[in-house]
Amino acid sequence: MIYNGDNRYSVKLRTSSINDQLDLTVQNTLGQTLLWKTLDNENGQGYEYDLNMSYASAGVYFVRIGNRRFKYVRRIIVK
């Protein structure tokens, strides 16, 4: 995950071994879901999503990408 400034992030998961649809979710520390998006490995090299968190209140959030067989989680801080 790359921070692009102004509470915007580039979510990138590079992989050629996973071609399933993966869910991208953003949750706050209370477990409330702010975003849920299904991603495809369109070019066969990974998953990408431009995440705009400029609407969100300042705080800690968890970005998850995965499915039942695979899960990747990162914490972000919105200022």
N, C-alpha and C. Protein backbone atom coordinates (compact mmCIF):
# COMPACT_ATOMS: atom_id res chain seq x y z
N MET A 1 0.85 -1.16 0.00
CA MET A 1 0.00 0.00 0.00
C MET A 1 0.90 1.23 0.00
N ILE A 2 0.56 2.18 -0.85
CA ILE A 2 1.37 3.38 -1.00
C ILE A 2 0.51 4.59 -0.64
N TYR A 3 1.04 5.45 0.23
CA TYR A 3 0.35 6.68 0.61
C TYR A 3 0.66 7.74 -0.43
N ASN A 4 -0.38 8.34 -1.02
CA ASN A 4 -0.21 9.33 -2.08
C ASN A 4 -0.45 10.76 -1.60
N GLY A 5 -0.68 10.96 -0.31
CA GLY A 5 -0.97 12.28 0.23
C GLY A 5 -2.47 12.54 0.25
N ASP A 6 -2.88 13.51 1.04
CA ASP A 6 -4.29 13.90 1.16
C ASP A 6 -5.22 12.72 1.48
N ASN A 7 -4.74 11.79 2.30
CA ASN A 7 -5.52 10.61 2.72
C ASN A 7 -5.97 9.75 1.54
N ARG A 8 -5.11 9.65 0.53
CA ARG A 8 -5.36 8.78 -0.63
C ARG A 8 -4.25 7.73 -0.69
N TYR A 9 -4.65 6.50 -1.01
CA TYR A 9 -3.73 5.37 -1.01
C TYR A 9 -3.88 4.58 -2.31
N SER A 10 -2.78 3.99 -2.73
CA SER A 10 -2.80 3.02 -3.83
C SER A 10 -2.67 1.65 -3.20
N VAL A 11 -3.73 0.87 -3.30
CA VAL A 11 -3.72 -0.49 -2.77
C VAL A 11 -3.29 -1.40 -3.91
N LYS A 12 -2.17 -2.09 -3.72
CA LYS A 12 -1.65 -2.97 -4.76
C LYS A 12 -1.25 -4.30 -4.16
N LEU A 13 -1.72 -5.35 -4.76
CA LEU A 13 -1.34 -6.70 -4.37
C LEU A 13 -0.83 -7.39 -5.62
N ARG A 14 0.46 -7.51 -5.73
CA ARG A 14 1.08 -8.13 -6.90
C ARG A 14 1.10 -9.64 -6.73
N THR A 15 0.51 -10.35 -7.67
CA THR A 15 0.51 -11.81 -7.65
C THR A 15 0.12 -12.34 -9.02
N SER A 16 0.72 -13.42 -9.39
CA SER A 16 0.32 -14.10 -10.62
C SER A 16 -0.28 -15.47 -10.30
N SER A 17 -0.23 -15.85 -9.02
CA SER A 17 -0.71 -17.17 -8.62
C SER A 17 -2.17 -17.17 -8.17
N ILE A 18 -2.76 -15.98 -7.97
CA ILE A 18 -4.15 -15.88 -7.55
C ILE A 18 -4.93 -15.18 -8.65
N ASN A 19 -5.99 -15.81 -9.13
CA ASN A 19 -6.82 -15.20 -10.17
C ASN A 19 -8.27 -15.07 -9.74
N ASP A 20 -8.57 -15.44 -8.50
CA ASP A 20 -9.94 -15.33 -7.98
C ASP A 20 -10.31 -13.87 -7.78
N GLN A 21 -11.61 -13.61 -7.70
CA GLN A 21 -12.06 -12.29 -7.27
C GLN A 21 -11.74 -12.17 -5.78
N LEU A 22 -11.25 -10.99 -5.38
CA LEU A 22 -10.95 -10.74 -3.98
C LEU A 22 -11.76 -9.55 -3.51
N ASP A 23 -12.17 -9.59 -2.26
CA ASP A 23 -12.91 -8.48 -1.66
C ASP A 23 -11.93 -7.53 -0.98
N LEU A 24 -12.13 -6.25 -1.23
CA LEU A 24 -11.40 -5.19 -0.55
C LEU A 24 -12.37 -4.54 0.42
N THR A 25 -12.02 -4.51 1.70
CA THR A 25 -12.86 -3.85 2.68
C THR A 25 -12.02 -2.87 3.50
N VAL A 26 -12.68 -1.82 3.96
CA VAL A 26 -12.08 -0.87 4.88
C VAL A 26 -12.99 -0.82 6.10
N GLN A 27 -12.40 -1.07 7.28
CA GLN A 27 -13.17 -1.08 8.52
C GLN A 27 -12.51 -0.16 9.54
N ASN A 28 -13.35 0.43 10.39
CA ASN A 28 -12.81 1.23 11.49
C ASN A 28 -12.50 0.30 12.67
N THR A 29 -12.02 0.87 13.76
CA THR A 29 -11.63 0.04 14.91
C THR A 29 -12.82 -0.57 15.63
N LEU A 30 -14.04 -0.11 15.33
CA LEU A 30 -15.24 -0.70 15.91
C LEU A 30 -15.77 -1.87 15.06
N GLY A 31 -15.11 -2.13 13.92
CA GLY A 31 -15.53 -3.22 13.05
C GLY A 31 -16.58 -2.80 12.03
N GLN A 32 -16.88 -1.52 11.95
CA GLN A 32 -17.86 -1.03 10.98
C GLN A 32 -17.20 -0.93 9.61
N THR A 33 -17.88 -1.42 8.59
CA THR A 33 -17.36 -1.42 7.23
C THR A 33 -17.69 -0.10 6.54
N LEU A 34 -16.66 0.58 6.05
CA LEU A 34 -16.84 1.84 5.33
C LEU A 34 -16.85 1.62 3.82
N LEU A 35 -16.17 0.56 3.38
CA LEU A 35 -16.06 0.28 1.95
C LEU A 35 -15.99 -1.22 1.74
N TRP A 36 -16.67 -1.69 0.71
CA TRP A 36 -16.57 -3.09 0.29
C TRP A 36 -16.61 -3.10 -1.22
N LYS A 37 -15.55 -3.60 -1.83
CA LYS A 37 -15.41 -3.60 -3.28
C LYS A 37 -14.82 -4.93 -3.71
N THR A 38 -15.35 -5.53 -4.76
CA THR A 38 -14.81 -6.76 -5.30
C THR A 38 -13.82 -6.42 -6.41
N LEU A 39 -12.62 -7.00 -6.33
CA LEU A 39 -11.57 -6.72 -7.30
C LEU A 39 -11.26 -7.95 -8.13
N ASP A 40 -10.86 -7.72 -9.37
CA ASP A 40 -10.44 -8.78 -10.27
C ASP A 40 -8.95 -8.61 -10.58
N ASN A 41 -8.29 -9.72 -10.84
CA ASN A 41 -6.90 -9.71 -11.31
C ASN A 41 -6.96 -9.55 -12.82
N GLU A 42 -7.20 -8.32 -13.27
CA GLU A 42 -7.51 -8.06 -14.66
C GLU A 42 -6.36 -8.33 -15.63
N ASN A 43 -5.14 -8.01 -15.23
CA ASN A 43 -4.02 -8.19 -16.15
C ASN A 43 -3.18 -9.43 -15.84
N GLY A 44 -3.61 -10.22 -14.87
CA GLY A 44 -2.89 -11.43 -14.50
C GLY A 44 -1.66 -11.20 -13.64
N GLN A 45 -1.43 -9.95 -13.21
CA GLN A 45 -0.26 -9.65 -12.40
C GLN A 45 -0.59 -9.13 -11.02
N GLY A 46 -1.88 -8.95 -10.72
CA GLY A 46 -2.24 -8.51 -9.38
C GLY A 46 -3.49 -7.67 -9.35
N TYR A 47 -3.74 -7.11 -8.18
CA TYR A 47 -4.95 -6.35 -7.90
C TYR A 47 -4.56 -4.92 -7.55
N GLU A 48 -5.36 -3.95 -8.01
CA GLU A 48 -5.08 -2.55 -7.72
C GLU A 48 -6.37 -1.81 -7.46
N TYR A 49 -6.29 -0.83 -6.53
CA TYR A 49 -7.44 0.01 -6.24
C TYR A 49 -6.94 1.34 -5.68
N ASP A 50 -7.49 2.45 -6.16
CA ASP A 50 -7.17 3.76 -5.64
C ASP A 50 -8.16 4.08 -4.52
N LEU A 51 -7.66 4.10 -3.30
CA LEU A 51 -8.50 4.28 -2.12
C LEU A 51 -8.46 5.73 -1.67
N ASN A 52 -9.60 6.38 -1.67
CA ASN A 52 -9.73 7.77 -1.24
C ASN A 52 -10.38 7.79 0.14
N MET A 53 -9.62 8.14 1.15
CA MET A 53 -10.13 8.19 2.52
C MET A 53 -10.31 9.63 2.99
N SER A 54 -10.37 10.58 2.07
CA SER A 54 -10.49 11.98 2.44
C SER A 54 -11.84 12.29 3.10
N TYR A 55 -12.82 11.45 2.90
CA TYR A 55 -14.15 11.64 3.50
C TYR A 55 -14.22 11.13 4.94
N ALA A 56 -13.25 10.32 5.33
CA ALA A 56 -13.31 9.62 6.62
C ALA A 56 -12.78 10.51 7.75
N SER A 57 -13.30 10.28 8.94
CA SER A 57 -12.82 10.97 10.14
C SER A 57 -11.39 10.52 10.45
N ALA A 58 -10.66 11.37 11.12
CA ALA A 58 -9.31 11.01 11.52
C ALA A 58 -9.35 9.78 12.43
N GLY A 59 -8.40 8.87 12.24
CA GLY A 59 -8.35 7.67 13.06
C GLY A 59 -7.64 6.53 12.37
N VAL A 60 -7.74 5.36 12.98
CA VAL A 60 -7.10 4.15 12.47
C VAL A 60 -8.14 3.31 11.73
N TYR A 61 -7.74 2.76 10.59
CA TYR A 61 -8.61 1.92 9.78
C TYR A 61 -7.84 0.68 9.32
N PHE A 62 -8.58 -0.38 9.04
CA PHE A 62 -7.97 -1.62 8.56
C PHE A 62 -8.43 -1.88 7.14
N VAL A 63 -7.45 -2.06 6.26
CA VAL A 63 -7.72 -2.38 4.86
C VAL A 63 -7.43 -3.85 4.67
N ARG A 64 -8.45 -4.59 4.25
CA ARG A 64 -8.31 -6.03 4.04
C ARG A 64 -8.59 -6.36 2.58
N ILE A 65 -7.78 -7.24 2.04
CA ILE A 65 -8.02 -7.75 0.70
C ILE A 65 -7.87 -9.26 0.76
N GLY A 66 -8.86 -9.97 0.22
CA GLY A 66 -8.76 -11.42 0.26
C GLY A 66 -10.09 -12.10 0.02
N ASN A 67 -10.08 -13.40 0.29
CA ASN A 67 -11.27 -14.24 0.20
C ASN A 67 -11.16 -15.30 1.30
N ARG A 68 -11.87 -16.38 1.16
CA ARG A 68 -11.83 -17.42 2.22
C ARG A 68 -10.49 -18.13 2.31
N ARG A 69 -9.74 -18.16 1.21
CA ARG A 69 -8.47 -18.88 1.20
C ARG A 69 -7.25 -18.00 1.43
N PHE A 70 -7.40 -16.71 1.25
CA PHE A 70 -6.27 -15.80 1.30
C PHE A 70 -6.70 -14.48 1.94
N LYS A 71 -5.86 -13.92 2.80
CA LYS A 71 -6.20 -12.64 3.44
C LYS A 71 -4.94 -11.82 3.67
N TYR A 72 -5.02 -10.54 3.36
CA TYR A 72 -3.93 -9.60 3.55
C TYR A 72 -4.52 -8.37 4.25
N VAL A 73 -3.93 -7.95 5.35
CA VAL A 73 -4.48 -6.84 6.16
C VAL A 73 -3.37 -5.83 6.43
N ARG A 74 -3.74 -4.54 6.26
CA ARG A 74 -2.84 -3.45 6.61
C ARG A 74 -3.61 -2.39 7.39
N ARG A 75 -2.91 -1.73 8.28
CA ARG A 75 -3.49 -0.65 9.07
C ARG A 75 -3.09 0.67 8.43
N ILE A 76 -4.04 1.61 8.34
CA ILE A 76 -3.73 2.94 7.86
C ILE A 76 -4.22 3.96 8.89
N ILE A 77 -3.62 5.14 8.87
CA ILE A 77 -4.01 6.21 9.76
C ILE A 77 -4.46 7.39 8.90
N VAL A 78 -5.70 7.80 9.11
CA VAL A 78 -6.24 8.96 8.41
C VAL A 78 -6.04 10.16 9.32
N LYS A 79 -5.48 11.21 8.76
CA LYS A 79 -5.18 12.42 9.55
C LYS A 79 -6.20 13.51 9.32
